[in-house]
Amino acid sequence: ATTEIYTEQIVGSVRCVQETGTGQTMASGSADSHVIFWSLDQNGLNKVNDQKGHTGSVEHIAWHPSIPTLLGSVSSDKTLRIWDTRTSKVQCRTEKTKGQNLNLAWSPDGNILAVGDEEDLVTFYDCLLYTSP
């Protein structure tokens, strides 16, 4: 049996939810352009931070495979963003994806991000080349 531990109404429909694999941190992305970080501890689920960097619907999020504090997000606003949950700031960003983004996936080593878009393209980004904005 499952037990509900927390519910919060999100203004824009929730498009995606991901957990880090550690059992302690989750994130959600929504149609109102927000990325929200959540923590799970002995007191339950808590909203840690509500990020408003995107200007379109957040379509997909994915945690870095080996750095549990980094989260990638893609949006219909044609941007890719990588968030650091420790600082709540964008660590890497590109504004010029070719289409409205639908999904993303990290390579196993976390150095490459693949982004799929509505133009039927998959674009690969080398995250080692990025610096903080």
N, C-alpha and C. Protein backbone atom coordinates (compact mmCIF):
# COMPACT_ATOMS: atom_id res chain seq x y z
N ALA A 1 0.84 -1.18 0.00
CA ALA A 1 0.00 0.00 0.00
C ALA A 1 0.89 1.24 0.00
N THR A 2 0.38 2.30 -0.60
CA THR A 2 1.11 3.56 -0.63
C THR A 2 0.44 4.55 0.30
N THR A 3 1.22 5.52 0.75
CA THR A 3 0.72 6.56 1.63
C THR A 3 1.04 7.91 1.04
N GLU A 4 0.04 8.76 0.90
CA GLU A 4 0.28 10.11 0.41
C GLU A 4 1.00 10.90 1.48
N ILE A 5 2.12 11.54 1.11
CA ILE A 5 2.88 12.30 2.10
C ILE A 5 2.80 13.79 1.88
N TYR A 6 2.41 14.22 0.66
CA TYR A 6 2.38 15.65 0.40
C TYR A 6 1.66 15.88 -0.92
N THR A 7 0.85 16.90 -0.98
CA THR A 7 0.21 17.31 -2.23
C THR A 7 0.25 18.82 -2.30
N GLU A 8 0.60 19.34 -3.47
CA GLU A 8 0.57 20.79 -3.66
C GLU A 8 0.00 21.08 -5.03
N GLN A 9 -0.91 22.02 -5.08
CA GLN A 9 -1.49 22.44 -6.36
C GLN A 9 -0.48 23.29 -7.11
N ILE A 10 -0.18 22.93 -8.35
CA ILE A 10 0.72 23.68 -9.21
C ILE A 10 -0.16 24.42 -10.22
N VAL A 11 0.09 25.71 -10.42
CA VAL A 11 -0.76 26.52 -11.29
C VAL A 11 -0.77 25.98 -12.71
N GLY A 12 0.39 25.75 -13.31
CA GLY A 12 0.47 25.17 -14.64
C GLY A 12 0.52 23.66 -14.52
N SER A 13 -0.03 22.95 -15.47
CA SER A 13 -0.05 21.49 -15.36
C SER A 13 1.37 20.94 -15.25
N VAL A 14 1.53 19.95 -14.40
CA VAL A 14 2.83 19.32 -14.20
C VAL A 14 3.11 18.45 -15.41
N ARG A 15 4.25 18.70 -16.07
CA ARG A 15 4.61 17.98 -17.29
C ARG A 15 5.58 16.83 -17.03
N CYS A 16 6.40 16.94 -15.97
CA CYS A 16 7.40 15.92 -15.71
C CYS A 16 7.83 15.93 -14.25
N VAL A 17 8.22 14.76 -13.76
CA VAL A 17 8.72 14.60 -12.39
C VAL A 17 9.86 13.60 -12.44
N GLN A 18 10.96 13.90 -11.75
CA GLN A 18 12.11 13.00 -11.70
C GLN A 18 12.69 12.98 -10.30
N GLU A 19 13.20 11.82 -9.91
CA GLU A 19 13.88 11.64 -8.63
C GLU A 19 15.34 11.34 -8.92
N THR A 20 16.24 11.78 -8.04
CA THR A 20 17.69 11.66 -8.30
C THR A 20 18.21 10.24 -8.25
N GLY A 21 17.52 9.34 -7.59
CA GLY A 21 18.04 8.01 -7.37
C GLY A 21 18.59 7.85 -5.97
N THR A 22 18.73 8.97 -5.26
CA THR A 22 19.21 8.93 -3.88
C THR A 22 18.06 8.78 -2.90
N GLY A 23 16.84 9.04 -3.37
CA GLY A 23 15.68 8.98 -2.48
C GLY A 23 15.49 10.23 -1.65
N GLN A 24 16.30 11.27 -1.89
CA GLN A 24 16.23 12.47 -1.06
C GLN A 24 15.83 13.73 -1.82
N THR A 25 15.95 13.74 -3.14
CA THR A 25 15.66 14.94 -3.91
C THR A 25 14.82 14.59 -5.13
N MET A 26 13.84 15.44 -5.39
CA MET A 26 12.99 15.29 -6.58
C MET A 26 12.88 16.64 -7.25
N ALA A 27 12.42 16.63 -8.50
CA ALA A 27 12.17 17.88 -9.22
C ALA A 27 10.92 17.68 -10.07
N SER A 28 10.26 18.80 -10.35
CA SER A 28 9.11 18.77 -11.25
C SER A 28 9.22 19.95 -12.21
N GLY A 29 8.67 19.76 -13.40
CA GLY A 29 8.61 20.81 -14.40
C GLY A 29 7.17 20.98 -14.82
N SER A 30 6.76 22.21 -15.10
CA SER A 30 5.35 22.44 -15.39
C SER A 30 5.13 23.37 -16.57
N ALA A 31 3.89 23.39 -17.03
CA ALA A 31 3.51 24.20 -18.18
C ALA A 31 3.63 25.69 -17.91
N ASP A 32 3.67 26.11 -16.65
CA ASP A 32 3.80 27.52 -16.33
C ASP A 32 5.26 27.96 -16.27
N SER A 33 6.18 27.16 -16.80
CA SER A 33 7.61 27.43 -16.97
C SER A 33 8.44 27.26 -15.70
N HIS A 34 7.90 26.69 -14.66
CA HIS A 34 8.63 26.53 -13.40
C HIS A 34 9.31 25.17 -13.32
N VAL A 35 10.50 25.16 -12.71
CA VAL A 35 11.18 23.95 -12.28
C VAL A 35 11.23 24.05 -10.76
N ILE A 36 10.68 23.05 -10.09
CA ILE A 36 10.62 23.08 -8.62
C ILE A 36 11.45 21.93 -8.08
N PHE A 37 12.31 22.25 -7.10
CA PHE A 37 13.11 21.24 -6.41
C PHE A 37 12.44 20.90 -5.09
N TRP A 38 12.42 19.59 -4.78
CA TRP A 38 11.78 19.07 -3.57
C TRP A 38 12.78 18.21 -2.81
N SER A 39 12.70 18.21 -1.48
CA SER A 39 13.54 17.32 -0.67
C SER A 39 12.64 16.42 0.16
N LEU A 40 13.12 15.22 0.39
CA LEU A 40 12.39 14.26 1.22
C LEU A 40 13.26 13.94 2.42
N ASP A 41 12.72 14.17 3.60
CA ASP A 41 13.44 13.85 4.83
C ASP A 41 12.46 13.23 5.82
N GLN A 42 12.88 13.10 7.07
CA GLN A 42 12.03 12.46 8.08
C GLN A 42 10.73 13.22 8.32
N ASN A 43 10.67 14.50 7.94
CA ASN A 43 9.45 15.29 8.12
C ASN A 43 8.53 15.24 6.90
N GLY A 44 8.95 14.58 5.83
CA GLY A 44 8.14 14.47 4.63
C GLY A 44 8.76 15.20 3.46
N LEU A 45 7.93 15.53 2.47
CA LEU A 45 8.38 16.20 1.26
C LEU A 45 8.25 17.70 1.43
N ASN A 46 9.31 18.43 1.07
CA ASN A 46 9.35 19.88 1.25
C ASN A 46 9.78 20.56 -0.03
N LYS A 47 9.11 21.65 -0.39
CA LYS A 47 9.54 22.45 -1.53
C LYS A 47 10.79 23.22 -1.12
N VAL A 48 11.87 23.04 -1.89
CA VAL A 48 13.14 23.69 -1.60
C VAL A 48 13.28 24.98 -2.37
N ASN A 49 12.96 24.93 -3.67
CA ASN A 49 13.17 26.10 -4.51
C ASN A 49 12.26 26.03 -5.73
N ASP A 50 11.80 27.18 -6.16
CA ASP A 50 10.94 27.30 -7.32
C ASP A 50 11.65 28.19 -8.33
N GLN A 51 12.17 27.58 -9.41
CA GLN A 51 12.95 28.30 -10.41
C GLN A 51 12.06 28.74 -11.57
N LYS A 52 12.27 29.97 -12.03
CA LYS A 52 11.46 30.53 -13.10
C LYS A 52 12.32 30.97 -14.28
N GLY A 53 13.30 30.19 -14.65
CA GLY A 53 14.20 30.58 -15.73
C GLY A 53 13.64 30.40 -17.13
N HIS A 54 12.79 29.40 -17.32
CA HIS A 54 12.21 29.18 -18.65
C HIS A 54 11.07 30.16 -18.89
N THR A 55 10.77 30.40 -20.15
CA THR A 55 9.64 31.27 -20.50
C THR A 55 8.52 30.49 -21.18
N GLY A 56 8.73 29.19 -21.40
CA GLY A 56 7.70 28.32 -21.97
C GLY A 56 7.54 27.10 -21.10
N SER A 57 6.65 26.23 -21.51
CA SER A 57 6.37 25.00 -20.77
C SER A 57 7.62 24.15 -20.61
N VAL A 58 7.91 23.70 -19.40
CA VAL A 58 9.02 22.78 -19.16
C VAL A 58 8.53 21.39 -19.54
N GLU A 59 9.11 20.85 -20.60
CA GLU A 59 8.62 19.60 -21.16
C GLU A 59 9.28 18.37 -20.57
N HIS A 60 10.55 18.49 -20.17
CA HIS A 60 11.25 17.32 -19.64
C HIS A 60 12.40 17.77 -18.75
N ILE A 61 12.69 16.95 -17.76
CA ILE A 61 13.83 17.17 -16.86
C ILE A 61 14.57 15.85 -16.69
N ALA A 62 15.87 15.93 -16.39
CA ALA A 62 16.66 14.72 -16.16
C ALA A 62 17.84 15.06 -15.26
N TRP A 63 18.06 14.22 -14.26
CA TRP A 63 19.19 14.40 -13.34
C TRP A 63 20.47 13.89 -13.99
N HIS A 64 21.58 14.55 -13.70
CA HIS A 64 22.90 14.12 -14.15
C HIS A 64 23.15 12.71 -13.60
N PRO A 65 23.77 11.82 -14.38
CA PRO A 65 23.93 10.43 -13.93
C PRO A 65 24.90 10.22 -12.77
N SER A 66 25.82 11.14 -12.55
CA SER A 66 26.78 10.94 -11.45
C SER A 66 26.89 12.13 -10.50
N ILE A 67 26.25 13.25 -10.82
CA ILE A 67 26.27 14.42 -9.94
C ILE A 67 24.82 14.70 -9.55
N PRO A 68 24.38 14.22 -8.39
CA PRO A 68 22.96 14.31 -8.04
C PRO A 68 22.45 15.71 -7.75
N THR A 69 23.30 16.72 -7.84
CA THR A 69 22.84 18.10 -7.64
C THR A 69 22.61 18.84 -8.95
N LEU A 70 22.86 18.20 -10.11
CA LEU A 70 22.67 18.84 -11.40
C LEU A 70 21.44 18.27 -12.10
N LEU A 71 20.59 19.18 -12.57
CA LEU A 71 19.37 18.81 -13.27
C LEU A 71 19.31 19.54 -14.60
N GLY A 72 19.08 18.81 -15.68
CA GLY A 72 18.87 19.41 -16.98
C GLY A 72 17.38 19.59 -17.21
N SER A 73 17.00 20.68 -17.88
CA SER A 73 15.60 20.90 -18.23
C SER A 73 15.52 21.46 -19.65
N VAL A 74 14.48 21.06 -20.38
CA VAL A 74 14.22 21.60 -21.70
C VAL A 74 12.80 22.12 -21.75
N SER A 75 12.59 23.09 -22.63
CA SER A 75 11.32 23.79 -22.65
C SER A 75 10.87 24.07 -24.07
N SER A 76 9.58 24.37 -24.20
CA SER A 76 9.04 24.80 -25.48
C SER A 76 9.58 26.17 -25.88
N ASP A 77 10.27 26.86 -24.97
CA ASP A 77 10.87 28.16 -25.29
C ASP A 77 12.19 28.03 -26.06
N LYS A 78 12.54 26.80 -26.47
CA LYS A 78 13.75 26.50 -27.23
C LYS A 78 15.03 26.72 -26.44
N THR A 79 14.96 26.44 -25.13
CA THR A 79 16.18 26.53 -24.32
C THR A 79 16.43 25.22 -23.59
N LEU A 80 17.70 25.01 -23.32
CA LEU A 80 18.21 23.93 -22.49
C LEU A 80 18.87 24.61 -21.30
N ARG A 81 18.55 24.16 -20.11
CA ARG A 81 19.17 24.73 -18.91
C ARG A 81 19.66 23.61 -18.01
N ILE A 82 20.77 23.85 -17.33
CA ILE A 82 21.27 22.91 -16.34
C ILE A 82 21.35 23.65 -15.01
N TRP A 83 20.63 23.13 -14.05
CA TRP A 83 20.49 23.76 -12.73
C TRP A 83 21.37 23.05 -11.71
N ASP A 84 21.94 23.81 -10.80
CA ASP A 84 22.66 23.25 -9.65
C ASP A 84 21.79 23.48 -8.43
N THR A 85 21.29 22.42 -7.85
CA THR A 85 20.35 22.54 -6.72
C THR A 85 21.01 23.13 -5.48
N ARG A 86 22.32 23.11 -5.41
CA ARG A 86 23.00 23.70 -4.24
C ARG A 86 22.97 25.22 -4.28
N THR A 87 22.99 25.80 -5.48
CA THR A 87 23.02 27.26 -5.60
C THR A 87 21.74 27.82 -6.20
N SER A 88 20.91 26.93 -6.76
CA SER A 88 19.65 27.33 -7.41
C SER A 88 19.89 28.30 -8.55
N LYS A 89 21.01 28.15 -9.23
CA LYS A 89 21.32 29.01 -10.37
C LYS A 89 21.52 28.14 -11.60
N VAL A 90 21.29 28.74 -12.77
CA VAL A 90 21.56 28.04 -14.02
C VAL A 90 23.07 27.93 -14.17
N GLN A 91 23.56 26.73 -14.44
CA GLN A 91 24.99 26.51 -14.60
C GLN A 91 25.40 26.49 -16.07
N CYS A 92 24.48 26.17 -16.95
CA CYS A 92 24.79 26.00 -18.36
C CYS A 92 23.51 26.29 -19.13
N ARG A 93 23.60 27.05 -20.20
CA ARG A 93 22.38 27.39 -20.91
C ARG A 93 22.69 27.65 -22.37
N THR A 94 21.81 27.20 -23.24
CA THR A 94 21.88 27.60 -24.63
C THR A 94 20.50 28.08 -25.04
N GLU A 95 20.43 29.18 -25.71
CA GLU A 95 19.16 29.79 -26.11
C GLU A 95 18.77 29.40 -27.52
N LYS A 96 19.63 28.68 -28.23
CA LYS A 96 19.42 28.52 -29.66
C LYS A 96 19.20 27.07 -30.07
N THR A 97 18.32 26.37 -29.39
CA THR A 97 17.95 25.05 -29.90
C THR A 97 17.08 25.27 -31.13
N LYS A 98 17.01 24.28 -31.98
CA LYS A 98 16.37 24.46 -33.28
C LYS A 98 14.85 24.43 -33.26
N GLY A 99 14.27 23.78 -32.28
CA GLY A 99 12.81 23.69 -32.22
C GLY A 99 12.33 23.68 -30.78
N GLN A 100 11.05 23.56 -30.62
CA GLN A 100 10.49 23.45 -29.28
C GLN A 100 10.90 22.09 -28.72
N ASN A 101 11.58 22.10 -27.59
CA ASN A 101 12.16 20.89 -27.03
C ASN A 101 11.11 20.01 -26.37
N LEU A 102 11.29 18.69 -26.55
CA LEU A 102 10.36 17.72 -25.97
C LEU A 102 10.99 16.86 -24.89
N ASN A 103 12.28 16.52 -25.04
CA ASN A 103 12.91 15.62 -24.07
C ASN A 103 14.42 15.77 -24.10
N LEU A 104 15.06 15.17 -23.10
CA LEU A 104 16.51 15.20 -23.03
C LEU A 104 17.00 13.96 -22.32
N ALA A 105 18.27 13.61 -22.56
CA ALA A 105 18.90 12.48 -21.88
C ALA A 105 20.39 12.75 -21.77
N TRP A 106 20.95 12.40 -20.62
CA TRP A 106 22.40 12.51 -20.39
C TRP A 106 23.10 11.28 -20.94
N SER A 107 24.33 11.45 -21.41
CA SER A 107 25.17 10.29 -21.70
C SER A 107 25.56 9.66 -20.37
N PRO A 108 25.97 8.39 -20.37
CA PRO A 108 26.33 7.73 -19.10
C PRO A 108 27.40 8.46 -18.29
N ASP A 109 28.35 9.15 -18.97
CA ASP A 109 29.39 9.88 -18.24
C ASP A 109 28.97 11.30 -17.87
N GLY A 110 27.80 11.75 -18.34
CA GLY A 110 27.28 13.06 -18.00
C GLY A 110 27.90 14.22 -18.77
N ASN A 111 28.71 13.94 -19.76
CA ASN A 111 29.37 15.02 -20.51
C ASN A 111 28.54 15.52 -21.69
N ILE A 112 27.61 14.71 -22.17
CA ILE A 112 26.81 15.05 -23.34
C ILE A 112 25.33 15.01 -22.96
N LEU A 113 24.60 15.99 -23.47
CA LEU A 113 23.14 15.99 -23.35
C LEU A 113 22.54 15.88 -24.74
N ALA A 114 21.62 14.96 -24.90
CA ALA A 114 20.88 14.83 -26.16
C ALA A 114 19.51 15.46 -25.94
N VAL A 115 19.09 16.29 -26.89
CA VAL A 115 17.80 16.98 -26.81
C VAL A 115 17.00 16.66 -28.07
N GLY A 116 15.77 16.20 -27.87
CA GLY A 116 14.86 15.95 -28.98
C GLY A 116 13.85 17.07 -29.06
N ASP A 117 13.49 17.47 -30.30
CA ASP A 117 12.56 18.59 -30.44
C ASP A 117 11.44 18.29 -31.42
N GLU A 118 10.51 19.22 -31.55
CA GLU A 118 9.34 19.05 -32.41
C GLU A 118 9.67 19.13 -33.89
N GLU A 119 10.91 19.48 -34.24
CA GLU A 119 11.34 19.50 -35.63
C GLU A 119 11.89 18.14 -36.05
N ASP A 120 11.69 17.12 -35.21
CA ASP A 120 12.19 15.76 -35.45
C ASP A 120 13.71 15.71 -35.48
N LEU A 121 14.36 16.56 -34.69
CA LEU A 121 15.82 16.59 -34.59
C LEU A 121 16.27 16.12 -33.21
N VAL A 122 17.41 15.47 -33.19
CA VAL A 122 18.10 15.19 -31.94
C VAL A 122 19.41 15.95 -32.02
N THR A 123 19.65 16.83 -31.05
CA THR A 123 20.87 17.64 -31.02
C THR A 123 21.66 17.26 -29.78
N PHE A 124 22.97 17.14 -29.95
CA PHE A 124 23.86 16.74 -28.85
C PHE A 124 24.67 17.96 -28.40
N TYR A 125 24.70 18.19 -27.09
CA TYR A 125 25.42 19.33 -26.51
C TYR A 125 26.54 18.81 -25.64
N ASP A 126 27.73 19.35 -25.85
CA ASP A 126 28.91 19.01 -25.05
C ASP A 126 28.93 19.94 -23.84
N CYS A 127 28.57 19.41 -22.69
CA CYS A 127 28.47 20.24 -21.48
C CYS A 127 29.82 20.60 -20.90
N LEU A 128 30.89 19.97 -21.34
CA LEU A 128 32.21 20.35 -20.87
C LEU A 128 32.65 21.69 -21.42
N LEU A 129 32.02 22.15 -22.50
CA LEU A 129 32.40 23.42 -23.12
C LEU A 129 31.71 24.61 -22.50
N TYR A 130 30.71 24.40 -21.67
CA TYR A 130 29.93 25.50 -21.11
C TYR A 130 30.60 26.08 -19.88
N THR A 131 30.36 27.36 -19.67
CA THR A 131 30.75 28.01 -18.43
C THR A 131 29.51 28.66 -17.85
N SER A 132 29.56 29.06 -16.63
CA SER A 132 28.41 29.71 -16.00
C SER A 132 28.13 31.03 -16.70
N PRO A 133 26.84 31.37 -16.87
CA PRO A 133 26.49 32.64 -17.53
C PRO A 133 26.88 33.85 -16.68
